[in-house]
Amino acid sequence: MQVTVTRTDNISPRLRRAVKELENRKPITEAMGLYLTSWTVRAFDDSSLRPAPWPSRQGILPRARPLLKLSGSLWRSIKSHSTNDRVTISSDRKYAAIHQLGGTTSPHIIKARNKKALFWPGAGHPVKSVKHPGSRIPARPFMPFLGSGGMMPAAREGVEDVIRVKVLEMLQ
């Protein structure tokens, strides 16, 4: 999953002019990327940093850690990539997008891999494979982006502060 922040219309006109005057803007986009990556990683533990609350896991016993933190591979996969004009926040995990946005998985066959058959209480007999109908995965957003394409107000203000500080550093 990859989210690209290209909107600058929320930045004050004076700040936008200052940024345009700088030929090398990569230090600014790198600082923005670090800020947004940090925000996203902290959102796995701090629900106030998420654009929406995570739905409960129905029918599953509660665990000590939330679903998206079970192995830690999702939050550890959050990275940023910057160019002179753009910053991209992304994850290389296949399931990142469906957790951020929600959706439905395709029907698929589950086969026994490590044993001769699948087993679960009540199956009645050894089962070599089962057809899974697919699952509806509710959105559990962890990146500070809203469905409308904008950014959470607090995250946007933080990004603007990062831009101000970097522009002042670079203009001195």
C-alpha atoms as a PDB file:
ATOM      1  CA  MET A   1       0.000   0.000   0.000  1.00  0.00           C
ATOM      2  CA  GLN A   2       1.241   3.450  -0.799  1.00  0.00           C
ATOM      3  CA  VAL A   3      -0.157   6.860   0.076  1.00  0.00           C
ATOM      4  CA  THR A   4       1.256   9.915  -1.658  1.00  0.00           C
ATOM      5  CA  VAL A   5       0.827  13.398  -0.225  1.00  0.00           C
ATOM      6  CA  THR A   6       0.770  15.894  -3.064  1.00  0.00           C
ATOM      7  CA  ARG A   7      -1.805  18.388  -1.830  1.00  0.00           C
ATOM      8  CA  THR A   8      -0.311  21.732  -0.815  1.00  0.00           C
ATOM      9  CA  ASP A   9      -3.478  23.826  -0.951  1.00  0.00           C
ATOM     10  CA  ASN A  10      -3.777  23.712   2.857  1.00  0.00           C
ATOM     11  CA  ILE A  11      -0.421  25.432   3.342  1.00  0.00           C
ATOM     12  CA  SER A  12      -0.471  29.174   3.845  1.00  0.00           C
ATOM     13  CA  PRO A  13       0.270  31.227   0.666  1.00  0.00           C
ATOM     14  CA  ARG A  14       3.340  32.853   2.257  1.00  0.00           C
ATOM     15  CA  LEU A  15       4.807  29.469   3.213  1.00  0.00           C
ATOM     16  CA  ARG A  16       4.005  28.050  -0.250  1.00  0.00           C
ATOM     17  CA  ARG A  17       5.907  30.938  -1.920  1.00  0.00           C
ATOM     18  CA  ALA A  18       8.920  30.377   0.346  1.00  0.00           C
ATOM     19  CA  VAL A  19       8.988  26.665  -0.491  1.00  0.00           C
ATOM     20  CA  LYS A  20       8.782  27.387  -4.246  1.00  0.00           C
ATOM     21  CA  GLU A  21      11.790  29.708  -3.979  1.00  0.00           C
ATOM     22  CA  LEU A  22      13.944  26.861  -2.720  1.00  0.00           C
ATOM     23  CA  GLU A  23      15.514  24.861  -5.502  1.00  0.00           C
ATOM     24  CA  ASN A  24      16.386  21.803  -3.361  1.00  0.00           C
ATOM     25  CA  ARG A  25      13.209  20.917  -1.450  1.00  0.00           C
ATOM     26  CA  LYS A  26      14.204  17.318  -0.660  1.00  0.00           C
ATOM     27  CA  PRO A  27      15.216  18.120   2.953  1.00  0.00           C
ATOM     28  CA  ILE A  28      11.669  19.425   3.459  1.00  0.00           C
ATOM     29  CA  THR A  29       9.986  16.357   1.975  1.00  0.00           C
ATOM     30  CA  GLU A  30      12.336  14.077   3.953  1.00  0.00           C
ATOM     31  CA  ALA A  31      11.374  15.847   7.189  1.00  0.00           C
ATOM     32  CA  MET A  32       7.690  15.538   6.247  1.00  0.00           C
ATOM     33  CA  GLY A  33       8.192  11.825   5.589  1.00  0.00           C
ATOM     34  CA  LEU A  34       9.896  11.252   8.934  1.00  0.00           C
ATOM     35  CA  TYR A  35       7.100  13.114  10.716  1.00  0.00           C
ATOM     36  CA  LEU A  36       4.306  11.172   8.968  1.00  0.00           C
ATOM     37  CA  THR A  37       6.102   7.826   9.393  1.00  0.00           C
ATOM     38  CA  SER A  38       6.531   8.500  13.105  1.00  0.00           C
ATOM     39  CA  TRP A  39       2.859   9.540  13.397  1.00  0.00           C
ATOM     40  CA  THR A  40       1.736   6.347  11.633  1.00  0.00           C
ATOM     41  CA  VAL A  41       3.883   4.026  13.760  1.00  0.00           C
ATOM     42  CA  ARG A  42       2.701   5.698  16.990  1.00  0.00           C
ATOM     43  CA  ALA A  43      -0.946   5.311  15.854  1.00  0.00           C
ATOM     44  CA  PHE A  44      -0.687   1.548  16.363  1.00  0.00           C
ATOM     45  CA  ASP A  45      -0.529   2.210  20.129  1.00  0.00           C
ATOM     46  CA  ASP A  46      -2.210   5.618  20.468  1.00  0.00           C
ATOM     47  CA  SER A  47      -5.810   5.599  19.211  1.00  0.00           C
ATOM     48  CA  SER A  48      -5.977   9.422  19.257  1.00  0.00           C
ATOM     49  CA  LEU A  49      -3.586   9.435  16.264  1.00  0.00           C
ATOM     50  CA  ARG A  50      -5.925   7.332  14.090  1.00  0.00           C
ATOM     51  CA  PRO A  51      -8.463   8.888  11.706  1.00  0.00           C
ATOM     52  CA  ALA A  52     -11.155   6.493  12.997  1.00  0.00           C
ATOM     53  CA  PRO A  53     -11.468   3.983  15.856  1.00  0.00           C
ATOM     54  CA  TRP A  54     -10.665   0.367  15.098  1.00  0.00           C
ATOM     55  CA  PRO A  55     -13.737  -1.902  15.228  1.00  0.00           C
ATOM     56  CA  SER A  56     -13.685  -4.695  17.792  1.00  0.00           C
ATOM     57  CA  ARG A  57     -12.849  -8.204  16.703  1.00  0.00           C
ATOM     58  CA  GLN A  58     -16.216  -9.936  16.839  1.00  0.00           C
ATOM     59  CA  GLY A  59     -16.287 -13.606  17.759  1.00  0.00           C
ATOM     60  CA  ILE A  60     -12.598 -13.682  18.637  1.00  0.00           C
ATOM     61  CA  LEU A  61     -11.299 -13.803  22.167  1.00  0.00           C
ATOM     62  CA  PRO A  62      -9.663 -10.526  23.144  1.00  0.00           C
ATOM     63  CA  ARG A  63      -5.900 -10.586  23.023  1.00  0.00           C
ATOM     64  CA  ALA A  64      -3.327  -8.565  24.882  1.00  0.00           C
ATOM     65  CA  ARG A  65      -2.321  -6.708  21.708  1.00  0.00           C
ATOM     66  CA  PRO A  66      -4.570  -5.276  18.986  1.00  0.00           C
ATOM     67  CA  LEU A  67      -4.935  -7.248  15.745  1.00  0.00           C
ATOM     68  CA  LEU A  68      -2.624  -4.996  13.724  1.00  0.00           C
ATOM     69  CA  LYS A  69       0.164  -5.359  16.304  1.00  0.00           C
ATOM     70  CA  LEU A  70       0.176  -9.154  16.675  1.00  0.00           C
ATOM     71  CA  SER A  71       3.445  -9.822  14.840  1.00  0.00           C
ATOM     72  CA  GLY A  72       4.646  -6.224  14.537  1.00  0.00           C
ATOM     73  CA  SER A  73       5.523  -6.643  10.863  1.00  0.00           C
ATOM     74  CA  LEU A  74       2.945  -4.096   9.664  1.00  0.00           C
ATOM     75  CA  TRP A  75       4.051  -1.177  11.815  1.00  0.00           C
ATOM     76  CA  ARG A  76       7.723  -2.026  11.237  1.00  0.00           C
ATOM     77  CA  SER A  77       7.101  -1.934   7.458  1.00  0.00           C
ATOM     78  CA  ILE A  78       6.015   1.733   7.380  1.00  0.00           C
ATOM     79  CA  LYS A  79       8.573   3.713   5.350  1.00  0.00           C
ATOM     80  CA  SER A  80       8.804   7.037   3.576  1.00  0.00           C
ATOM     81  CA  HIS A  81      10.407   7.926   0.259  1.00  0.00           C
ATOM     82  CA  SER A  82      11.071  11.524  -0.733  1.00  0.00           C
ATOM     83  CA  THR A  83      11.864  13.374  -3.919  1.00  0.00           C
ATOM     84  CA  ASN A  84      12.221  17.099  -4.489  1.00  0.00           C
ATOM     85  CA  ASP A  85       8.451  17.493  -4.930  1.00  0.00           C
ATOM     86  CA  ARG A  86       6.793  14.537  -3.214  1.00  0.00           C
ATOM     87  CA  VAL A  87       6.817  12.330  -0.149  1.00  0.00           C
ATOM     88  CA  THR A  88       5.364   8.815  -0.180  1.00  0.00           C
ATOM     89  CA  ILE A  89       4.427   6.898   2.962  1.00  0.00           C
ATOM     90  CA  SER A  90       4.092   3.176   2.270  1.00  0.00           C
ATOM     91  CA  SER A  91       4.126  -0.395   3.512  1.00  0.00           C
ATOM     92  CA  ASP A  92       5.301  -3.437   1.570  1.00  0.00           C
ATOM     93  CA  ARG A  93       2.882  -5.729   3.433  1.00  0.00           C
ATOM     94  CA  LYS A  94       0.216  -7.152   1.066  1.00  0.00           C
ATOM     95  CA  TYR A  95      -2.508  -6.716   3.673  1.00  0.00           C
ATOM     96  CA  ALA A  96      -1.749  -3.066   4.571  1.00  0.00           C
ATOM     97  CA  ALA A  97      -4.266  -1.560   2.149  1.00  0.00           C
ATOM     98  CA  ILE A  98      -7.183  -3.760   3.186  1.00  0.00           C
ATOM     99  CA  HIS A  99      -6.598  -2.881   6.846  1.00  0.00           C
ATOM    100  CA  GLN A 100      -6.276   0.848   6.114  1.00  0.00           C
ATOM    101  CA  LEU A 101      -9.282   1.029   3.777  1.00  0.00           C
ATOM    102  CA  GLY A 102     -11.333  -2.098   4.544  1.00  0.00           C
ATOM    103  CA  GLY A 103     -12.658  -4.494   1.916  1.00  0.00           C
ATOM    104  CA  THR A 104     -13.452  -8.100   1.072  1.00  0.00           C
ATOM    105  CA  THR A 105     -11.017 -10.915   0.408  1.00  0.00           C
ATOM    106  CA  SER A 106     -11.615 -13.306  -2.493  1.00  0.00           C
ATOM    107  CA  PRO A 107     -12.901 -16.840  -1.973  1.00  0.00           C
ATOM    108  CA  HIS A 108     -10.009 -19.295  -1.794  1.00  0.00           C
ATOM    109  CA  ILE A 109      -9.062 -22.865  -0.924  1.00  0.00           C
ATOM    110  CA  ILE A 110      -7.252 -23.585   2.336  1.00  0.00           C
ATOM    111  CA  LYS A 111      -5.112 -26.736   2.132  1.00  0.00           C
ATOM    112  CA  ALA A 112      -3.234 -28.606   4.823  1.00  0.00           C
ATOM    113  CA  ARG A 113       0.456 -27.689   4.557  1.00  0.00           C
ATOM    114  CA  ASN A 114       2.371 -29.176   7.459  1.00  0.00           C
ATOM    115  CA  LYS A 115       0.075 -32.100   8.270  1.00  0.00           C
ATOM    116  CA  LYS A 116      -1.963 -34.583   6.243  1.00  0.00           C
ATOM    117  CA  ALA A 117      -5.248 -32.877   7.121  1.00  0.00           C
ATOM    118  CA  LEU A 118      -6.820 -29.776   8.653  1.00  0.00           C
ATOM    119  CA  PHE A 119      -8.369 -30.180  12.077  1.00  0.00           C
ATOM    120  CA  TRP A 120     -10.762 -28.190  14.195  1.00  0.00           C
ATOM    121  CA  PRO A 121     -13.178 -29.309  16.901  1.00  0.00           C
ATOM    122  CA  GLY A 122     -16.454 -30.462  15.401  1.00  0.00           C
ATOM    123  CA  ALA A 123     -15.085 -31.231  11.931  1.00  0.00           C
ATOM    124  CA  GLY A 124     -16.051 -34.873  12.382  1.00  0.00           C
ATOM    125  CA  HIS A 125     -13.294 -36.254  10.156  1.00  0.00           C
ATOM    126  CA  PRO A 126      -9.907 -35.284   8.729  1.00  0.00           C
ATOM    127  CA  VAL A 127     -10.299 -32.601   6.058  1.00  0.00           C
ATOM    128  CA  LYS A 128      -7.597 -32.110   3.413  1.00  0.00           C
ATOM    129  CA  SER A 129      -8.930 -28.782   2.129  1.00  0.00           C
ATOM    130  CA  VAL A 130     -11.799 -26.383   2.673  1.00  0.00           C
ATOM    131  CA  LYS A 131     -13.275 -23.629   0.493  1.00  0.00           C
ATOM    132  CA  HIS A 132     -13.141 -20.318   2.340  1.00  0.00           C
ATOM    133  CA  PRO A 133     -15.872 -17.935   1.114  1.00  0.00           C
ATOM    134  CA  GLY A 134     -13.790 -14.798   1.667  1.00  0.00           C
ATOM    135  CA  SER A 135     -13.874 -12.347   4.544  1.00  0.00           C
ATOM    136  CA  ARG A 136     -15.163  -8.837   5.032  1.00  0.00           C
ATOM    137  CA  ILE A 137     -12.353  -6.867   6.643  1.00  0.00           C
ATOM    138  CA  PRO A 138     -13.445  -3.636   8.355  1.00  0.00           C
ATOM    139  CA  ALA A 139     -11.232  -0.578   7.943  1.00  0.00           C
ATOM    140  CA  ARG A 140      -8.685  -0.197  10.735  1.00  0.00           C
ATOM    141  CA  PRO A 141      -6.888   2.947   9.545  1.00  0.00           C
ATOM    142  CA  PHE A 142      -3.424   3.557  10.939  1.00  0.00           C
ATOM    143  CA  MET A 143      -2.170   6.251   8.541  1.00  0.00           C
ATOM    144  CA  PRO A 144      -3.375   9.829   9.229  1.00  0.00           C
ATOM    145  CA  PHE A 145      -5.246  10.142   5.943  1.00  0.00           C
ATOM    146  CA  LEU A 146      -8.993  10.598   5.635  1.00  0.00           C
ATOM    147  CA  GLY A 147     -11.197   8.806   3.119  1.00  0.00           C
ATOM    148  CA  SER A 148     -11.805  12.137   1.366  1.00  0.00           C
ATOM    149  CA  GLY A 149      -8.129  12.324   0.431  1.00  0.00           C
ATOM    150  CA  GLY A 150      -7.221  14.891   3.055  1.00  0.00           C
ATOM    151  CA  MET A 151      -5.138  14.533   6.168  1.00  0.00           C
ATOM    152  CA  MET A 152      -6.203  14.556   9.810  1.00  0.00           C
ATOM    153  CA  PRO A 153      -6.145  18.213  10.971  1.00  0.00           C
ATOM    154  CA  ALA A 154      -3.606  17.590  13.752  1.00  0.00           C
ATOM    155  CA  ALA A 155      -1.290  15.712  11.362  1.00  0.00           C
ATOM    156  CA  ARG A 156      -1.621  18.483   8.749  1.00  0.00           C
ATOM    157  CA  GLU A 157      -0.727  21.119  11.364  1.00  0.00           C
ATOM    158  CA  GLY A 158       2.314  19.061  12.372  1.00  0.00           C
ATOM    159  CA  VAL A 159       3.434  18.777   8.740  1.00  0.00           C
ATOM    160  CA  GLU A 160       3.029  22.549   8.315  1.00  0.00           C
ATOM    161  CA  ASP A 161       5.167  23.103  11.432  1.00  0.00           C
ATOM    162  CA  VAL A 162       7.840  20.777  10.016  1.00  0.00           C
ATOM    163  CA  ILE A 163       7.785  22.719   6.729  1.00  0.00           C
ATOM    164  CA  ARG A 164       8.083  26.079   8.540  1.00  0.00           C
ATOM    165  CA  VAL A 165      11.047  24.914  10.595  1.00  0.00           C
ATOM    166  CA  LYS A 166      12.861  23.375   7.601  1.00  0.00           C
ATOM    167  CA  VAL A 167      12.245  26.426   5.395  1.00  0.00           C
ATOM    168  CA  LEU A 168      13.610  28.747   8.094  1.00  0.00           C
ATOM    169  CA  GLU A 169      16.670  26.506   8.521  1.00  0.00           C
ATOM    170  CA  MET A 170      17.288  26.451   4.777  1.00  0.00           C
ATOM    171  CA  LEU A 171      16.808  30.212   4.282  1.00  0.00           C
ATOM    172  CA  GLN A 172      19.346  31.133   6.959  1.00  0.00           C
END
